[in-house]
Amino acid sequence: MSAPRPDFLAHRSGDAVGVAVRDLTPGPVTGGYLDSDAVEELQLAHEVPLGHKVAIRDIREGDDVIEYGVRTAIASQDIARGDYVHTHNVRSARWLSSVA
């Protein structure tokens, strides 16, 4: 038997977010990492569209959001494991000093 297809993938171990590989609905989801055989199971709190991010660990307001093994964003509010991660709760690290 083959392993079930993942619902989301994280690029590297230690990443705070994974990428939805299909449109996801609230409930149990399973994902993995591109650099290891580790499996993450979590309870998805919100719908997450294909290609968007889901928190695979709790992220506190002001913490770095790690993806690809690097800081890509800063949490603008607390984000719980299983939450949808997008512009409503993060600010791009690249544009951190922007006033827009």
PDB file of N, CA and C in Angstrom:
ATOM      1  N   MET A   1       0.838  -1.186   0.000  1.00  0.00           N
ATOM      2  CA  MET A   1       0.000   0.000   0.000  1.00  0.00           C
ATOM      3  C   MET A   1       0.877   1.242   0.000  1.00  0.00           C
ATOM      4  N   SER A   2       0.458   2.236  -0.706  1.00  0.00           N
ATOM      5  CA  SER A   2       1.210   3.486  -0.739  1.00  0.00           C
ATOM      6  C   SER A   2       0.710   4.416   0.360  1.00  0.00           C
ATOM      7  N   ALA A   3       1.573   5.336   0.759  1.00  0.00           N
ATOM      8  CA  ALA A   3       1.208   6.315   1.786  1.00  0.00           C
ATOM      9  C   ALA A   3       0.156   7.260   1.231  1.00  0.00           C
ATOM     10  N   PRO A   4      -0.741   7.754   2.097  1.00  0.00           N
ATOM     11  CA  PRO A   4      -1.742   8.716   1.621  1.00  0.00           C
ATOM     12  C   PRO A   4      -1.077  10.004   1.160  1.00  0.00           C
ATOM     13  N   ARG A   5      -1.687  10.668   0.205  1.00  0.00           N
ATOM     14  CA  ARG A   5      -1.159  11.948  -0.283  1.00  0.00           C
ATOM     15  C   ARG A   5      -1.265  12.986   0.810  1.00  0.00           C
ATOM     16  N   PRO A   6      -0.237  13.823   0.958  1.00  0.00           N
ATOM     17  CA  PRO A   6      -0.286  14.856   2.000  1.00  0.00           C
ATOM     18  C   PRO A   6      -1.271  15.970   1.639  1.00  0.00           C
ATOM     19  N   ASP A   7      -1.794  16.617   2.671  1.00  0.00           N
ATOM     20  CA  ASP A   7      -2.662  17.778   2.490  1.00  0.00           C
ATOM     21  C   ASP A   7      -1.844  19.061   2.378  1.00  0.00           C
ATOM     22  N   PHE A   8      -0.669  19.071   3.009  1.00  0.00           N
ATOM     23  CA  PHE A   8       0.224  20.223   2.962  1.00  0.00           C
ATOM     24  C   PHE A   8       1.666  19.737   3.035  1.00  0.00           C
ATOM     25  N   LEU A   9       2.581  20.572   2.584  1.00  0.00           N
ATOM     26  CA  LEU A   9       4.005  20.259   2.641  1.00  0.00           C
ATOM     27  C   LEU A   9       4.774  21.455   3.188  1.00  0.00           C
ATOM     28  N   ALA A  10       5.733  21.167   4.046  1.00  0.00           N
ATOM     29  CA  ALA A  10       6.672  22.181   4.516  1.00  0.00           C
ATOM     30  C   ALA A  10       7.986  21.927   3.790  1.00  0.00           C
ATOM     31  N   HIS A  11       8.691  22.981   3.458  1.00  0.00           N
ATOM     32  CA  HIS A  11       9.919  22.840   2.697  1.00  0.00           C
ATOM     33  C   HIS A  11      11.046  22.233   3.515  1.00  0.00           C
ATOM     34  N   ARG A  12      11.191  22.671   4.762  1.00  0.00           N
ATOM     35  CA  ARG A  12      12.299  22.212   5.594  1.00  0.00           C
ATOM     36  C   ARG A  12      11.834  21.936   7.015  1.00  0.00           C
ATOM     37  N   SER A  13      12.483  20.984   7.660  1.00  0.00           N
ATOM     38  CA  SER A  13      12.234  20.751   9.082  1.00  0.00           C
ATOM     39  C   SER A  13      12.520  22.048   9.822  1.00  0.00           C
ATOM     40  N   GLY A  14      11.685  22.402  10.760  1.00  0.00           N
ATOM     41  CA  GLY A  14      11.850  23.652  11.486  1.00  0.00           C
ATOM     42  C   GLY A  14      11.018  24.790  10.933  1.00  0.00           C
ATOM     43  N   ASP A  15      10.435  24.617   9.733  1.00  0.00           N
ATOM     44  CA  ASP A  15       9.540  25.642   9.193  1.00  0.00           C
ATOM     45  C   ASP A  15       8.315  25.778  10.098  1.00  0.00           C
ATOM     46  N   ALA A  16       7.774  26.979  10.174  1.00  0.00           N
ATOM     47  CA  ALA A  16       6.582  27.239  10.980  1.00  0.00           C
ATOM     48  C   ALA A  16       5.301  27.059  10.192  1.00  0.00           C
ATOM     49  N   VAL A  17       5.411  27.038   8.866  1.00  0.00           N
ATOM     50  CA  VAL A  17       4.229  26.927   8.010  1.00  0.00           C
ATOM     51  C   VAL A  17       4.440  25.858   6.943  1.00  0.00           C
ATOM     52  N   GLY A  18       3.321  25.307   6.502  1.00  0.00           N
ATOM     53  CA  GLY A  18       3.307  24.401   5.367  1.00  0.00           C
ATOM     54  C   GLY A  18       2.415  24.980   4.287  1.00  0.00           C
ATOM     55  N   VAL A  19       2.556  24.479   3.077  1.00  0.00           N
ATOM     56  CA  VAL A  19       1.807  24.963   1.920  1.00  0.00           C
ATOM     57  C   VAL A  19       0.728  23.935   1.560  1.00  0.00           C
ATOM     58  N   ALA A  20      -0.511  24.401   1.451  1.00  0.00           N
ATOM     59  CA  ALA A  20      -1.615  23.514   1.073  1.00  0.00           C
ATOM     60  C   ALA A  20      -1.415  23.017  -0.355  1.00  0.00           C
ATOM     61  N   VAL A  21      -1.483  21.713  -0.548  1.00  0.00           N
ATOM     62  CA  VAL A  21      -1.307  21.149  -1.889  1.00  0.00           C
ATOM     63  C   VAL A  21      -2.651  20.950  -2.599  1.00  0.00           C
ATOM     64  N   ARG A  22      -3.718  21.352  -1.944  1.00  0.00           N
ATOM     65  CA  ARG A  22      -5.075  21.384  -2.520  1.00  0.00           C
ATOM     66  C   ARG A  22      -5.904  22.277  -1.602  1.00  0.00           C
ATOM     67  N   ASP A  23      -7.076  22.657  -2.027  1.00  0.00           N
ATOM     68  CA  ASP A  23      -7.970  23.424  -1.157  1.00  0.00           C
ATOM     69  C   ASP A  23      -8.290  22.561   0.061  1.00  0.00           C
ATOM     70  N   LEU A  24      -8.103  23.121   1.257  1.00  0.00           N
ATOM     71  CA  LEU A  24      -8.318  22.367   2.491  1.00  0.00           C
ATOM     72  C   LEU A  24      -9.503  22.930   3.264  1.00  0.00           C
ATOM     73  N   THR A  25     -10.247  22.051   3.906  1.00  0.00           N
ATOM     74  CA  THR A  25     -11.380  22.442   4.741  1.00  0.00           C
ATOM     75  C   THR A  25     -11.047  22.134   6.196  1.00  0.00           C
ATOM     76  N   PRO A  26     -11.710  22.820   7.122  1.00  0.00           N
ATOM     77  CA  PRO A  26     -11.434  22.576   8.544  1.00  0.00           C
ATOM     78  C   PRO A  26     -11.592  21.106   8.909  1.00  0.00           C
ATOM     79  N   GLY A  27     -10.716  20.667   9.803  1.00  0.00           N
ATOM     80  CA  GLY A  27     -10.725  19.282  10.255  1.00  0.00           C
ATOM     81  C   GLY A  27      -9.323  18.722  10.255  1.00  0.00           C
ATOM     82  N   PRO A  28      -9.190  17.414  10.428  1.00  0.00           N
ATOM     83  CA  PRO A  28      -7.861  16.806  10.495  1.00  0.00           C
ATOM     84  C   PRO A  28      -7.171  16.814   9.128  1.00  0.00           C
ATOM     85  N   VAL A  29      -5.886  17.188   9.124  1.00  0.00           N
ATOM     86  CA  VAL A  29      -5.067  17.178   7.917  1.00  0.00           C
ATOM     87  C   VAL A  29      -3.701  16.596   8.263  1.00  0.00           C
ATOM     88  N   THR A  30      -3.056  16.067   7.244  1.00  0.00           N
ATOM     89  CA  THR A  30      -1.739  15.453   7.415  1.00  0.00           C
ATOM     90  C   THR A  30      -0.790  16.039   6.388  1.00  0.00           C
ATOM     91  N   GLY A  31       0.419  16.309   6.817  1.00  0.00           N
ATOM     92  CA  GLY A  31       1.417  16.849   5.907  1.00  0.00           C
ATOM     93  C   GLY A  31       2.786  16.303   6.209  1.00  0.00           C
ATOM     94  N   GLY A  32       3.733  16.751   5.431  1.00  0.00           N
ATOM     95  CA  GLY A  32       5.094  16.293   5.618  1.00  0.00           C
ATOM     96  C   GLY A  32       6.088  17.347   5.193  1.00  0.00           C
ATOM     97  N   TYR A  33       7.343  16.937   5.185  1.00  0.00           N
ATOM     98  CA  TYR A  33       8.455  17.832   4.855  1.00  0.00           C
ATOM     99  C   TYR A  33       9.155  17.337   3.607  1.00  0.00           C
ATOM    100  N   LEU A  34       9.673  18.263   2.832  1.00  0.00           N
ATOM    101  CA  LEU A  34      10.414  17.890   1.630  1.00  0.00           C
ATOM    102  C   LEU A  34      11.815  17.390   1.957  1.00  0.00           C
ATOM    103  N   ASP A  35      12.321  17.693   3.162  1.00  0.00           N
ATOM    104  CA  ASP A  35      13.684  17.289   3.513  1.00  0.00           C
ATOM    105  C   ASP A  35      13.757  16.153   4.536  1.00  0.00           C
ATOM    106  N   SER A  36      12.606  15.542   4.859  1.00  0.00           N
ATOM    107  CA  SER A  36      12.621  14.428   5.807  1.00  0.00           C
ATOM    108  C   SER A  36      11.361  13.582   5.629  1.00  0.00           C
ATOM    109  N   ASP A  37      11.325  12.482   6.356  1.00  0.00           N
ATOM    110  CA  ASP A  37      10.155  11.600   6.317  1.00  0.00           C
ATOM    111  C   ASP A  37       9.166  11.914   7.438  1.00  0.00           C
ATOM    112  N   ALA A  38       9.424  12.971   8.195  1.00  0.00           N
ATOM    113  CA  ALA A  38       8.542  13.330   9.310  1.00  0.00           C
ATOM    114  C   ALA A  38       7.140  13.649   8.804  1.00  0.00           C
ATOM    115  N   VAL A  39       6.159  13.300   9.612  1.00  0.00           N
ATOM    116  CA  VAL A  39       4.752  13.539   9.286  1.00  0.00           C
ATOM    117  C   VAL A  39       4.157  14.458  10.344  1.00  0.00           C
ATOM    118  N   GLU A  40       3.373  15.421   9.918  1.00  0.00           N
ATOM    119  CA  GLU A  40       2.664  16.332  10.819  1.00  0.00           C
ATOM    120  C   GLU A  40       1.168  16.086  10.672  1.00  0.00           C
ATOM    121  N   GLU A  41       0.496  15.868  11.787  1.00  0.00           N
ATOM    122  CA  GLU A  41      -0.959  15.765  11.802  1.00  0.00           C
ATOM    123  C   GLU A  41      -1.479  16.905  12.661  1.00  0.00           C
ATOM    124  N   LEU A  42      -2.441  17.630  12.139  1.00  0.00           N
ATOM    125  CA  LEU A  42      -2.997  18.741  12.908  1.00  0.00           C
ATOM    126  C   LEU A  42      -4.461  18.935  12.573  1.00  0.00           C
ATOM    127  N   GLN A  43      -5.106  19.713  13.415  1.00  0.00           N
ATOM    128  CA  GLN A  43      -6.523  20.045  13.241  1.00  0.00           C
ATOM    129  C   GLN A  43      -6.589  21.410  12.580  1.00  0.00           C
ATOM    130  N   LEU A  44      -7.038  21.454  11.339  1.00  0.00           N
ATOM    131  CA  LEU A  44      -7.129  22.707  10.594  1.00  0.00           C
ATOM    132  C   LEU A  44      -8.319  23.508  11.113  1.00  0.00           C
ATOM    133  N   ALA A  45      -8.077  24.773  11.460  1.00  0.00           N
ATOM    134  CA  ALA A  45      -9.109  25.607  12.054  1.00  0.00           C
ATOM    135  C   ALA A  45      -9.947  26.362  11.021  1.00  0.00           C
ATOM    136  N   HIS A  46      -9.384  26.587   9.828  1.00  0.00           N
ATOM    137  CA  HIS A  46     -10.043  27.406   8.811  1.00  0.00           C
ATOM    138  C   HIS A  46      -9.806  26.799   7.434  1.00  0.00           C
ATOM    139  N   GLU A  47     -10.600  27.218   6.459  1.00  0.00           N
ATOM    140  CA  GLU A  47     -10.314  26.842   5.080  1.00  0.00           C
ATOM    141  C   GLU A  47      -8.972  27.436   4.674  1.00  0.00           C
ATOM    142  N   VAL A  48      -8.194  26.671   3.913  1.00  0.00           N
ATOM    143  CA  VAL A  48      -6.911  27.147   3.399  1.00  0.00           C
ATOM    144  C   VAL A  48      -6.876  26.822   1.909  1.00  0.00           C
ATOM    145  N   PRO A  49      -6.842  27.845   1.048  1.00  0.00           N
ATOM    146  CA  PRO A  49      -6.820  27.592  -0.399  1.00  0.00           C
ATOM    147  C   PRO A  49      -5.497  26.966  -0.857  1.00  0.00           C
ATOM    148  N   LEU A  50      -5.556  26.281  -1.968  1.00  0.00           N
ATOM    149  CA  LEU A  50      -4.378  25.704  -2.614  1.00  0.00           C
ATOM    150  C   LEU A  50      -3.262  26.743  -2.694  1.00  0.00           C
ATOM    151  N   GLY A  51      -2.067  26.370  -2.280  1.00  0.00           N
ATOM    152  CA  GLY A  51      -0.912  27.256  -2.363  1.00  0.00           C
ATOM    153  C   GLY A  51      -0.756  28.221  -1.208  1.00  0.00           C
ATOM    154  N   HIS A  52      -1.747  28.281  -0.331  1.00  0.00           N
ATOM    155  CA  HIS A  52      -1.665  29.172   0.825  1.00  0.00           C
ATOM    156  C   HIS A  52      -1.068  28.415   2.010  1.00  0.00           C
ATOM    157  N   LYS A  53      -0.808  29.134   3.101  1.00  0.00           N
ATOM    158  CA  LYS A  53      -0.056  28.592   4.225  1.00  0.00           C
ATOM    159  C   LYS A  53      -0.937  28.212   5.398  1.00  0.00           C
ATOM    160  N   VAL A  54      -0.483  27.167   6.114  1.00  0.00           N
ATOM    161  CA  VAL A  54      -1.097  26.733   7.361  1.00  0.00           C
ATOM    162  C   VAL A  54       0.005  26.681   8.420  1.00  0.00           C
ATOM    163  N   ALA A  55      -0.319  27.136   9.630  1.00  0.00           N
ATOM    164  CA  ALA A  55       0.651  27.086  10.730  1.00  0.00           C
ATOM    165  C   ALA A  55       0.813  25.648  11.200  1.00  0.00           C
ATOM    166  N   ILE A  56       2.049  25.171  11.249  1.00  0.00           N
ATOM    167  CA  ILE A  56       2.296  23.811  11.739  1.00  0.00           C
ATOM    168  C   ILE A  56       2.850  23.831  13.160  1.00  0.00           C
ATOM    169  N   ARG A  57       2.961  25.021  13.721  1.00  0.00           N
ATOM    170  CA  ARG A  57       3.272  25.190  15.142  1.00  0.00           C
ATOM    171  C   ARG A  57       2.688  26.521  15.583  1.00  0.00           C
ATOM    172  N   ASP A  58       2.531  26.714  16.876  1.00  0.00           N
ATOM    173  CA  ASP A  58       2.070  28.002  17.397  1.00  0.00           C
ATOM    174  C   ASP A  58       3.124  29.065  17.093  1.00  0.00           C
ATOM    175  N   ILE A  59       2.656  30.247  16.704  1.00  0.00           N
ATOM    176  CA  ILE A  59       3.531  31.380  16.409  1.00  0.00           C
ATOM    177  C   ILE A  59       2.993  32.568  17.204  1.00  0.00           C
ATOM    178  N   ARG A  60       3.833  33.147  18.036  1.00  0.00           N
ATOM    179  CA  ARG A  60       3.398  34.284  18.856  1.00  0.00           C
ATOM    180  C   ARG A  60       3.536  35.595  18.086  1.00  0.00           C
ATOM    181  N   GLU A  61       2.698  36.552  18.427  1.00  0.00           N
ATOM    182  CA  GLU A  61       2.801  37.885  17.828  1.00  0.00           C
ATOM    183  C   GLU A  61       4.233  38.399  17.952  1.00  0.00           C
ATOM    184  N   GLY A  62       4.788  38.891  16.838  1.00  0.00           N
ATOM    185  CA  GLY A  62       6.147  39.405  16.821  1.00  0.00           C
ATOM    186  C   GLY A  62       7.205  38.374  16.471  1.00  0.00           C
ATOM    187  N   ASP A  63       6.844  37.086  16.479  1.00  0.00           N
ATOM    188  CA  ASP A  63       7.802  36.029  16.137  1.00  0.00           C
ATOM    189  C   ASP A  63       8.035  35.976  14.638  1.00  0.00           C
ATOM    190  N   ASP A  64       9.203  35.504  14.259  1.00  0.00           N
ATOM    191  CA  ASP A  64       9.505  35.249  12.857  1.00  0.00           C
ATOM    192  C   ASP A  64       8.672  34.071  12.364  1.00  0.00           C
ATOM    193  N   VAL A  65       8.196  34.174  11.141  1.00  0.00           N
ATOM    194  CA  VAL A  65       7.532  33.056  10.466  1.00  0.00           C
ATOM    195  C   VAL A  65       8.570  32.464   9.528  1.00  0.00           C
ATOM    196  N   ILE A  66       8.928  31.211   9.780  1.00  0.00           N
ATOM    197  CA  ILE A  66       9.990  30.554   9.037  1.00  0.00           C
ATOM    198  C   ILE A  66       9.386  29.664   7.952  1.00  0.00           C
ATOM    199  N   GLU A  67       9.855  29.885   6.718  1.00  0.00           N
ATOM    200  CA  GLU A  67       9.489  29.046   5.568  1.00  0.00           C
ATOM    201  C   GLU A  67      10.742  28.948   4.701  1.00  0.00           C
ATOM    202  N   TYR A  68      10.958  27.819   4.084  1.00  0.00           N
ATOM    203  CA  TYR A  68      12.181  27.563   3.313  1.00  0.00           C
ATOM    204  C   TYR A  68      13.420  27.609   4.209  1.00  0.00           C
ATOM    205  N   GLY A  69      13.227  27.508   5.527  1.00  0.00           N
ATOM    206  CA  GLY A  69      14.338  27.602   6.458  1.00  0.00           C
ATOM    207  C   GLY A  69      14.787  29.024   6.735  1.00  0.00           C
ATOM    208  N   VAL A  70      14.058  30.024   6.237  1.00  0.00           N
ATOM    209  CA  VAL A  70      14.417  31.431   6.446  1.00  0.00           C
ATOM    210  C   VAL A  70      13.196  32.230   6.920  1.00  0.00           C
ATOM    211  N   ARG A  71      13.457  33.398   7.489  1.00  0.00           N
ATOM    212  CA  ARG A  71      12.370  34.280   7.914  1.00  0.00           C
ATOM    213  C   ARG A  71      11.720  34.890   6.684  1.00  0.00           C
ATOM    214  N   THR A  72      10.440  34.646   6.515  1.00  0.00           N
ATOM    215  CA  THR A  72       9.703  35.231   5.395  1.00  0.00           C
ATOM    216  C   THR A  72       8.700  36.277   5.849  1.00  0.00           C
ATOM    217  N   ALA A  73       8.321  36.222   7.134  1.00  0.00           N
ATOM    218  CA  ALA A  73       7.306  37.139   7.645  1.00  0.00           C
ATOM    219  C   ALA A  73       7.454  37.283   9.148  1.00  0.00           C
ATOM    220  N   ILE A  74       6.702  38.236   9.690  1.00  0.00           N
ATOM    221  CA  ILE A  74       6.602  38.464  11.127  1.00  0.00           C
ATOM    222  C   ILE A  74       5.124  38.347  11.486  1.00  0.00           C
ATOM    223  N   ALA A  75       4.821  37.600  12.537  1.00  0.00           N
ATOM    224  CA  ALA A  75       3.425  37.457  12.963  1.00  0.00           C
ATOM    225  C   ALA A  75       2.911  38.778  13.521  1.00  0.00           C
ATOM    226  N   SER A  76       1.785  39.246  12.999  1.00  0.00           N
ATOM    227  CA  SER A  76       1.182  40.490  13.485  1.00  0.00           C
ATOM    228  C   SER A  76       0.168  40.227  14.597  1.00  0.00           C
ATOM    229  N   GLN A  77      -0.079  38.951  14.881  1.00  0.00           N
ATOM    230  CA  GLN A  77      -0.935  38.534  15.984  1.00  0.00           C
ATOM    231  C   GLN A  77      -0.571  37.082  16.294  1.00  0.00           C
ATOM    232  N   ASP A  78      -1.042  36.575  17.420  1.00  0.00           N
ATOM    233  CA  ASP A  78      -0.795  35.175  17.735  1.00  0.00           C
ATOM    234  C   ASP A  78      -1.468  34.297  16.680  1.00  0.00           C
ATOM    235  N   ILE A  79      -0.765  33.244  16.277  1.00  0.00           N
ATOM    236  CA  ILE A  79      -1.277  32.302  15.282  1.00  0.00           C
ATOM    237  C   ILE A  79      -1.165  30.910  15.896  1.00  0.00           C
ATOM    238  N   ALA A  80      -2.280  30.218  15.979  1.00  0.00           N
ATOM    239  CA  ALA A  80      -2.286  28.885  16.575  1.00  0.00           C
ATOM    240  C   ALA A  80      -1.979  27.818  15.517  1.00  0.00           C
ATOM    241  N   ARG A  81      -1.401  26.724  15.964  1.00  0.00           N
ATOM    242  CA  ARG A  81      -1.183  25.563  15.105  1.00  0.00           C
ATOM    243  C   ARG A  81      -2.513  25.210  14.436  1.00  0.00           C
ATOM    244  N   GLY A  82      -2.508  25.076  13.111  1.00  0.00           N
ATOM    245  CA  GLY A  82      -3.728  24.762  12.368  1.00  0.00           C
ATOM    246  C   GLY A  82      -4.440  25.969  11.802  1.00  0.00           C
ATOM    247  N   ASP A  83      -3.973  27.182  12.118  1.00  0.00           N
ATOM    248  CA  ASP A  83      -4.590  28.403  11.581  1.00  0.00           C
ATOM    249  C   ASP A  83      -4.110  28.684  10.159  1.00  0.00           C
ATOM    250  N   TYR A  84      -4.944  29.377   9.418  1.00  0.00           N
ATOM    251  CA  TYR A  84      -4.610  29.899   8.092  1.00  0.00           C
ATOM    252  C   TYR A  84      -3.634  31.049   8.291  1.00  0.00           C
ATOM    253  N   VAL A  85      -2.531  31.050   7.571  1.00  0.00           N
ATOM    254  CA  VAL A  85      -1.516  32.096   7.685  1.00  0.00           C
ATOM    255  C   VAL A  85      -1.525  32.905   6.390  1.00  0.00           C
ATOM    256  N   HIS A  86      -1.851  34.196   6.522  1.00  0.00           N
ATOM    257  CA  HIS A  86      -1.945  35.059   5.345  1.00  0.00           C
ATOM    258  C   HIS A  86      -1.799  36.513   5.795  1.00  0.00           C
ATOM    259  N   THR A  87      -2.118  37.442   4.944  1.00  0.00           N
ATOM    260  CA  THR A  87      -1.881  38.859   5.221  1.00  0.00           C
ATOM    261  C   THR A  87      -2.656  39.394   6.427  1.00  0.00           C
ATOM    262  N   HIS A  88      -3.694  38.700   6.869  1.00  0.00           N
ATOM    263  CA  HIS A  88      -4.452  39.160   8.034  1.00  0.00           C
ATOM    264  C   HIS A  88      -3.712  38.917   9.348  1.00  0.00           C
ATOM    265  N   ASN A  89      -2.687  38.039   9.340  1.00  0.00           N
ATOM    266  CA  ASN A  89      -1.987  37.753  10.594  1.00  0.00           C
ATOM    267  C   ASN A  89      -0.460  37.736  10.481  1.00  0.00           C
ATOM    268  N   VAL A  90       0.072  38.143   9.328  1.00  0.00           N
ATOM    269  CA  VAL A  90       1.523  38.279   9.170  1.00  0.00           C
ATOM    270  C   VAL A  90       1.847  39.523   8.345  1.00  0.00           C
ATOM    271  N   ARG A  91       3.071  39.956   8.467  1.00  0.00           N
ATOM    272  CA  ARG A  91       3.592  41.062   7.653  1.00  0.00           C
ATOM    273  C   ARG A  91       4.875  40.559   7.023  1.00  0.00           C
ATOM    274  N   SER A  92       5.052  40.808   5.746  1.00  0.00           N
ATOM    275  CA  SER A  92       6.232  40.356   5.027  1.00  0.00           C
ATOM    276  C   SER A  92       7.500  40.870   5.687  1.00  0.00           C
ATOM    277  N   ALA A  93       8.464  39.988   5.896  1.00  0.00           N
ATOM    278  CA  ALA A  93       9.756  40.403   6.451  1.00  0.00           C
ATOM    279  C   ALA A  93      10.501  41.286   5.456  1.00  0.00           C
ATOM    280  N   ARG A  94      10.293  41.036   4.183  1.00  0.00           N
ATOM    281  CA  ARG A  94      10.973  41.811   3.144  1.00  0.00           C
ATOM    282  C   ARG A  94      10.540  43.273   3.166  1.00  0.00           C
ATOM    283  N   TRP A  95       9.275  43.505   3.429  1.00  0.00           N
ATOM    284  CA  TRP A  95       8.726  44.858   3.383  1.00  0.00           C
ATOM    285  C   TRP A  95       8.421  45.370   4.791  1.00  0.00           C
ATOM    286  N   LEU A  96       9.110  44.886   5.782  1.00  0.00           N
ATOM    287  CA  LEU A  96       8.819  45.224   7.168  1.00  0.00           C
ATOM    288  C   LEU A  96       8.842  46.723   7.437  1.00  0.00           C
ATOM    289  N   SER A  97       9.742  47.453   6.820  1.00  0.00           N
ATOM    290  CA  SER A  97       9.829  48.893   7.078  1.00  0.00           C
ATOM    291  C   SER A  97       8.919  49.718   6.180  1.00  0.00           C
ATOM    292  N   SER A  98       8.173  49.072   5.288  1.00  0.00           N
ATOM    293  CA  SER A  98       7.253  49.786   4.400  1.00  0.00           C
ATOM    294  C   SER A  98       6.087  50.351   5.193  1.00  0.00           C
ATOM    295  N   VAL A  99       5.600  51.495   4.791  1.00  0.00           N
ATOM    296  CA  VAL A  99       4.444  52.098   5.459  1.00  0.00           C
ATOM    297  C   VAL A  99       3.135  51.726   4.775  1.00  0.00           C
ATOM    298  N   ALA A 100       3.202  50.995   3.690  1.00  0.00           N
ATOM    299  CA  ALA A 100       1.988  50.601   2.958  1.00  0.00           C
ATOM    300  C   ALA A 100       1.183  49.597   3.721  1.00  0.00           C
TER     301      ALA A 100
END
